[in-house]
Amino acid sequence: MESPEHSLPSLFKQLGLPDDPVSIDRFIATHSPLKPELHLADAFFWTQCQADFLRDEILDDADWAEVVDQLDVLLRKGRGV
């Protein structure tokens, strides 16, 4: 059985956020750069439910972990990567 592949827009949709490219770019521009010592799930802008989801996906190395890591990188460097 193959693992599902998730995209950045599908992660935003899963988090209940607008998932179009302009909204994703705006979100990243607004919330980056994250401090190096701050875990993604601990950022102030997540709801508790969103933070729990992000944390659980990384801790469990679950289906969404790769795209959560991608979002983490984008929020640390900004969208222009």
N, C-alpha and C. Protein backbone atom coordinates (compact mmCIF):
# COMPACT_ATOMS: atom_id res chain seq x y z
N MET A 1 0.84 -1.19 0.00
CA MET A 1 0.00 0.00 0.00
C MET A 1 0.88 1.24 0.00
N GLU A 2 0.59 2.18 -0.88
CA GLU A 2 1.37 3.40 -0.98
C GLU A 2 0.83 4.46 -0.02
N SER A 3 1.76 5.27 0.49
CA SER A 3 1.35 6.39 1.34
C SER A 3 0.79 7.49 0.45
N PRO A 4 -0.24 8.18 0.91
CA PRO A 4 -0.76 9.28 0.11
C PRO A 4 0.26 10.42 0.04
N GLU A 5 0.30 11.09 -1.09
CA GLU A 5 1.16 12.26 -1.21
C GLU A 5 0.30 13.50 -0.99
N HIS A 6 0.76 14.35 -0.11
CA HIS A 6 0.03 15.57 0.20
C HIS A 6 0.81 16.77 -0.33
N SER A 7 0.08 17.80 -0.66
CA SER A 7 0.68 19.02 -1.18
C SER A 7 0.51 20.14 -0.15
N LEU A 8 1.23 21.23 -0.38
CA LEU A 8 1.09 22.40 0.49
C LEU A 8 -0.35 22.92 0.48
N PRO A 9 -0.98 23.07 -0.70
CA PRO A 9 -2.39 23.50 -0.68
C PRO A 9 -3.30 22.54 0.09
N SER A 10 -3.05 21.24 -0.02
CA SER A 10 -3.91 20.30 0.72
C SER A 10 -3.67 20.40 2.23
N LEU A 11 -2.44 20.72 2.64
CA LEU A 11 -2.17 20.94 4.07
C LEU A 11 -2.93 22.17 4.56
N PHE A 12 -2.89 23.25 3.80
CA PHE A 12 -3.63 24.45 4.19
C PHE A 12 -5.12 24.16 4.31
N LYS A 13 -5.63 23.38 3.36
CA LYS A 13 -7.04 23.00 3.42
C LYS A 13 -7.31 22.17 4.67
N GLN A 14 -6.44 21.22 4.97
CA GLN A 14 -6.56 20.37 6.16
C GLN A 14 -6.57 21.22 7.43
N LEU A 15 -5.79 22.30 7.43
CA LEU A 15 -5.70 23.20 8.59
C LEU A 15 -6.86 24.20 8.64
N GLY A 16 -7.73 24.17 7.62
CA GLY A 16 -8.87 25.09 7.59
C GLY A 16 -8.49 26.48 7.14
N LEU A 17 -7.39 26.58 6.39
CA LEU A 17 -6.91 27.88 5.91
C LEU A 17 -7.15 27.98 4.41
N PRO A 18 -7.24 29.20 3.87
CA PRO A 18 -7.37 29.35 2.43
C PRO A 18 -6.19 28.65 1.73
N ASP A 19 -6.49 27.91 0.68
CA ASP A 19 -5.46 27.07 0.08
C ASP A 19 -5.06 27.46 -1.35
N ASP A 20 -5.45 28.65 -1.77
CA ASP A 20 -5.03 29.11 -3.10
C ASP A 20 -3.61 29.69 -3.00
N PRO A 21 -2.86 29.72 -4.10
CA PRO A 21 -1.46 30.16 -4.06
C PRO A 21 -1.25 31.56 -3.47
N VAL A 22 -2.12 32.50 -3.78
CA VAL A 22 -1.97 33.86 -3.26
C VAL A 22 -2.13 33.87 -1.73
N SER A 23 -3.12 33.15 -1.23
CA SER A 23 -3.34 33.09 0.23
C SER A 23 -2.19 32.39 0.94
N ILE A 24 -1.66 31.33 0.33
CA ILE A 24 -0.53 30.62 0.93
C ILE A 24 0.69 31.54 0.98
N ASP A 25 0.97 32.23 -0.12
CA ASP A 25 2.09 33.18 -0.15
C ASP A 25 1.91 34.27 0.90
N ARG A 26 0.70 34.78 1.02
CA ARG A 26 0.42 35.85 1.99
C ARG A 26 0.62 35.33 3.42
N PHE A 27 0.15 34.12 3.70
CA PHE A 27 0.31 33.52 5.03
C PHE A 27 1.79 33.40 5.37
N ILE A 28 2.57 32.87 4.45
CA ILE A 28 4.00 32.69 4.68
C ILE A 28 4.70 34.02 4.86
N ALA A 29 4.37 34.99 4.02
CA ALA A 29 4.98 36.31 4.13
C ALA A 29 4.63 36.98 5.46
N THR A 30 3.39 36.81 5.91
CA THR A 30 2.92 37.42 7.15
C THR A 30 3.57 36.79 8.38
N HIS A 31 3.79 35.48 8.35
CA HIS A 31 4.21 34.76 9.55
C HIS A 31 5.67 34.33 9.54
N SER A 32 6.43 34.74 8.56
CA SER A 32 7.85 34.36 8.54
C SER A 32 8.71 35.59 8.74
N PRO A 33 9.91 35.42 9.19
CA PRO A 33 10.55 34.16 9.51
C PRO A 33 10.29 33.75 10.97
N LEU A 34 10.17 32.45 11.17
CA LEU A 34 10.07 31.92 12.53
C LEU A 34 11.45 31.90 13.17
N LYS A 35 11.49 32.09 14.46
CA LYS A 35 12.77 32.01 15.19
C LYS A 35 13.28 30.57 15.13
N PRO A 36 14.58 30.39 14.99
CA PRO A 36 15.15 29.04 14.87
C PRO A 36 14.79 28.10 16.03
N GLU A 37 14.69 28.65 17.23
CA GLU A 37 14.43 27.80 18.39
C GLU A 37 12.94 27.46 18.58
N LEU A 38 12.07 28.08 17.80
CA LEU A 38 10.62 27.88 17.94
C LEU A 38 10.16 26.69 17.10
N HIS A 39 9.50 25.73 17.74
CA HIS A 39 8.90 24.63 17.01
C HIS A 39 7.70 25.15 16.23
N LEU A 40 7.53 24.64 15.03
CA LEU A 40 6.44 25.10 14.17
C LEU A 40 5.10 25.09 14.91
N ALA A 41 4.78 24.01 15.58
CA ALA A 41 3.48 23.88 16.24
C ALA A 41 3.32 24.85 17.41
N ASP A 42 4.40 25.44 17.90
CA ASP A 42 4.33 26.37 19.02
C ASP A 42 4.17 27.83 18.58
N ALA A 43 4.10 28.07 17.28
CA ALA A 43 3.94 29.44 16.80
C ALA A 43 2.59 29.99 17.27
N PHE A 44 2.56 31.28 17.55
CA PHE A 44 1.39 31.93 18.15
C PHE A 44 0.15 31.93 17.25
N PHE A 45 0.33 31.80 15.95
CA PHE A 45 -0.78 32.01 15.02
C PHE A 45 -1.65 30.77 14.79
N TRP A 46 -1.28 29.61 15.34
CA TRP A 46 -2.10 28.41 15.17
C TRP A 46 -3.18 28.34 16.24
N THR A 47 -4.31 27.77 15.87
CA THR A 47 -5.30 27.42 16.89
C THR A 47 -4.76 26.19 17.62
N GLN A 48 -5.35 25.84 18.73
CA GLN A 48 -4.90 24.65 19.46
C GLN A 48 -5.04 23.39 18.60
N CYS A 49 -6.13 23.30 17.88
CA CYS A 49 -6.39 22.14 17.02
C CYS A 49 -5.34 22.05 15.90
N GLN A 50 -5.02 23.18 15.27
CA GLN A 50 -4.00 23.19 14.22
C GLN A 50 -2.64 22.80 14.79
N ALA A 51 -2.29 23.36 15.93
CA ALA A 51 -1.00 23.07 16.57
C ALA A 51 -0.90 21.59 16.92
N ASP A 52 -1.97 21.03 17.47
CA ASP A 52 -1.98 19.60 17.81
C ASP A 52 -1.78 18.74 16.57
N PHE A 53 -2.46 19.09 15.50
CA PHE A 53 -2.33 18.34 14.25
C PHE A 53 -0.88 18.37 13.75
N LEU A 54 -0.30 19.57 13.68
CA LEU A 54 1.08 19.72 13.18
C LEU A 54 2.06 18.95 14.07
N ARG A 55 1.90 19.07 15.36
CA ARG A 55 2.79 18.39 16.30
C ARG A 55 2.67 16.87 16.17
N ASP A 56 1.45 16.38 16.12
CA ASP A 56 1.22 14.94 16.02
C ASP A 56 1.77 14.35 14.72
N GLU A 57 1.60 15.07 13.64
CA GLU A 57 2.09 14.56 12.35
C GLU A 57 3.60 14.41 12.35
N ILE A 58 4.30 15.37 12.96
CA ILE A 58 5.76 15.28 13.03
C ILE A 58 6.20 14.21 14.01
N LEU A 59 5.61 14.20 15.19
CA LEU A 59 6.01 13.21 16.21
C LEU A 59 5.76 11.78 15.76
N ASP A 60 4.68 11.57 15.02
CA ASP A 60 4.32 10.22 14.57
C ASP A 60 4.92 9.89 13.21
N ASP A 61 5.66 10.84 12.62
CA ASP A 61 6.18 10.67 11.26
C ASP A 61 5.05 10.16 10.35
N ALA A 62 3.91 10.82 10.44
CA ALA A 62 2.70 10.39 9.76
C ALA A 62 2.66 10.89 8.31
N ASP A 63 1.54 10.60 7.64
CA ASP A 63 1.37 10.92 6.22
C ASP A 63 1.68 12.37 5.87
N TRP A 64 1.30 13.27 6.75
CA TRP A 64 1.46 14.69 6.47
C TRP A 64 2.84 15.23 6.86
N ALA A 65 3.69 14.44 7.48
CA ALA A 65 4.95 14.94 8.04
C ALA A 65 5.83 15.64 7.00
N GLU A 66 5.92 15.09 5.80
CA GLU A 66 6.79 15.68 4.78
C GLU A 66 6.34 17.08 4.39
N VAL A 67 5.05 17.27 4.19
CA VAL A 67 4.56 18.59 3.79
C VAL A 67 4.55 19.55 4.98
N VAL A 68 4.39 19.04 6.20
CA VAL A 68 4.52 19.89 7.39
C VAL A 68 5.96 20.39 7.49
N ASP A 69 6.92 19.52 7.21
CA ASP A 69 8.33 19.94 7.18
C ASP A 69 8.56 21.00 6.11
N GLN A 70 7.91 20.83 4.97
CA GLN A 70 8.03 21.82 3.88
C GLN A 70 7.52 23.18 4.35
N LEU A 71 6.37 23.19 5.01
CA LEU A 71 5.82 24.44 5.54
C LEU A 71 6.77 25.04 6.57
N ASP A 72 7.35 24.22 7.42
CA ASP A 72 8.30 24.69 8.42
C ASP A 72 9.46 25.42 7.75
N VAL A 73 10.02 24.82 6.71
CA VAL A 73 11.14 25.44 5.98
C VAL A 73 10.70 26.76 5.38
N LEU A 74 9.54 26.79 4.76
CA LEU A 74 9.06 28.02 4.13
C LEU A 74 8.86 29.14 5.16
N LEU A 75 8.34 28.77 6.33
CA LEU A 75 8.11 29.78 7.36
C LEU A 75 9.40 30.26 8.03
N ARG A 76 10.46 29.52 7.88
CA ARG A 76 11.74 29.95 8.43
C ARG A 76 12.51 30.82 7.44
N LYS A 77 12.34 30.56 6.15
CA LYS A 77 13.10 31.28 5.13
C LYS A 77 12.27 32.26 4.35
N GLY A 78 10.96 32.13 4.36
CA GLY A 78 10.10 32.94 3.51
C GLY A 78 9.80 32.21 2.23
N ARG A 79 8.87 32.71 1.46
CA ARG A 79 8.36 32.00 0.28
C ARG A 79 9.37 31.93 -0.85
N GLY A 80 10.31 32.82 -0.92
CA GLY A 80 11.22 32.88 -2.05
C GLY A 80 12.32 31.83 -2.02
N VAL A 81 12.02 30.58 -1.63
CA VAL A 81 13.02 29.51 -1.62
C VAL A 81 13.00 28.75 -2.90
